[in-house]
Amino acid sequence: MRNNEIVKHALRHAKLTDKQAYVLGKYMDGMKQREIAAEVGIKQPTVAKLIAVAIKKLRNVFPLYNQINIAKSNPQNIQNK
C-alpha cells in the first residue's frame, strides 16, 4: 500500500467523529489549538482532548494494517501467533 492508501484505510476504519476529523485536520494543517478552539467555538482543552482521542483511534487501526501485511507476505506468521 502506498502512504495515501494507508491514510485512507486508517481514516475509514478509525471511526472518527466529524468533529474529531475536522479538528485533527486543522491541527495537521498547522493551526494552533487555541485558533481551532476559537474557530469551532470550544475551549482549548477540548481541542486537545479531541486530537488525543483521534490519534488514539488512528493508532489502533495500524496493528490491523500490520497483521494484514504480514499475512500477505508470509501467512504462516499469523497462524503461529
Protein backbone atom coordinates (compact mmCIF):
# COMPACT_ATOMS: atom_id res chain seq x y z
CA MET A 1 0.00 0.00 0.00
CA ARG A 2 1.17 3.49 -0.72
CA ASN A 3 1.10 6.13 2.02
CA ASN A 4 -2.10 7.81 0.82
CA GLU A 5 -3.84 4.42 0.70
CA ILE A 6 -2.69 3.73 4.26
CA VAL A 7 -4.13 7.06 5.43
CA LYS A 8 -7.44 6.44 3.65
CA HIS A 9 -7.63 2.97 5.19
CA ALA A 10 -6.87 4.33 8.66
CA LEU A 11 -9.42 7.12 8.40
CA ARG A 12 -12.09 4.75 7.11
CA HIS A 13 -11.57 2.24 9.93
CA ALA A 14 -10.75 4.60 12.83
CA LYS A 15 -14.37 5.78 13.06
CA LEU A 16 -13.54 9.38 13.92
CA THR A 17 -16.45 11.67 14.67
CA ASP A 18 -16.92 14.59 12.30
CA LYS A 19 -15.60 16.97 14.95
CA GLN A 20 -12.54 14.79 15.68
CA ALA A 21 -11.71 14.59 11.96
CA TYR A 22 -12.20 18.33 11.47
CA VAL A 23 -10.12 19.34 14.48
CA LEU A 24 -7.35 16.87 13.68
CA GLY A 25 -7.29 18.05 10.07
CA LYS A 26 -6.96 21.69 11.12
CA TYR A 27 -4.22 20.76 13.59
CA MET A 28 -2.34 18.79 10.94
CA ASP A 29 -2.63 21.79 8.61
CA GLY A 30 -0.68 23.79 11.18
CA MET A 31 -3.35 25.63 13.14
CA LYS A 32 -2.69 26.14 16.83
CA GLN A 33 -5.10 24.55 19.29
CA ARG A 34 -6.32 27.92 20.54
CA GLU A 35 -7.03 29.02 16.94
CA ILE A 36 -9.03 25.85 16.31
CA ALA A 37 -10.91 26.37 19.57
CA ALA A 38 -11.87 29.92 18.56
CA GLU A 39 -12.98 28.78 15.09
CA VAL A 40 -15.05 25.85 16.34
CA GLY A 41 -16.40 27.65 19.40
CA ILE A 42 -14.99 25.31 22.05
CA LYS A 43 -12.26 25.58 24.68
CA GLN A 44 -8.62 24.73 24.01
CA PRO A 45 -8.57 21.75 26.43
CA THR A 46 -11.48 20.26 24.47
CA VAL A 47 -9.48 20.64 21.25
CA ALA A 48 -6.53 18.88 22.90
CA LYS A 49 -8.80 16.03 24.01
CA LEU A 50 -10.36 15.68 20.54
CA ILE A 51 -6.89 15.49 18.97
CA ALA A 52 -5.68 12.94 21.52
CA VAL A 53 -8.72 10.70 21.06
CA ALA A 54 -8.49 10.92 17.26
CA ILE A 55 -4.80 9.97 17.32
CA LYS A 56 -5.52 7.07 19.66
CA LYS A 57 -8.23 5.78 17.32
CA LEU A 58 -5.87 6.06 14.34
CA ARG A 59 -3.09 4.24 16.20
CA ASN A 60 -5.48 1.40 16.98
CA VAL A 61 -6.01 0.84 13.25
CA PHE A 62 -2.34 0.29 12.46
CA PRO A 63 -1.89 -3.05 14.27
CA LEU A 64 -4.60 -4.40 11.96
CA TYR A 65 -2.77 -2.99 8.95
CA ASN A 66 0.49 -4.63 10.09
CA GLN A 67 -1.21 -8.01 10.56
CA ILE A 68 -2.70 -7.82 7.06
CA ASN A 69 0.69 -7.10 5.51
CA ILE A 70 2.39 -9.89 7.46
CA ALA A 71 -0.31 -12.33 6.39
CA LYS A 72 0.10 -11.35 2.74
CA SER A 73 3.88 -11.73 2.82
CA ASN A 74 4.02 -14.88 4.98
CA PRO A 75 0.69 -16.43 6.03
CA GLN A 76 2.40 -18.83 8.44
CA ASN A 77 3.41 -15.90 10.72
CA ILE A 78 -0.23 -15.20 11.58
CA GLN A 79 -1.13 -18.85 12.11
CA ASN A 80 1.68 -19.27 14.65
CA LYS A 81 0.52 -16.37 16.84
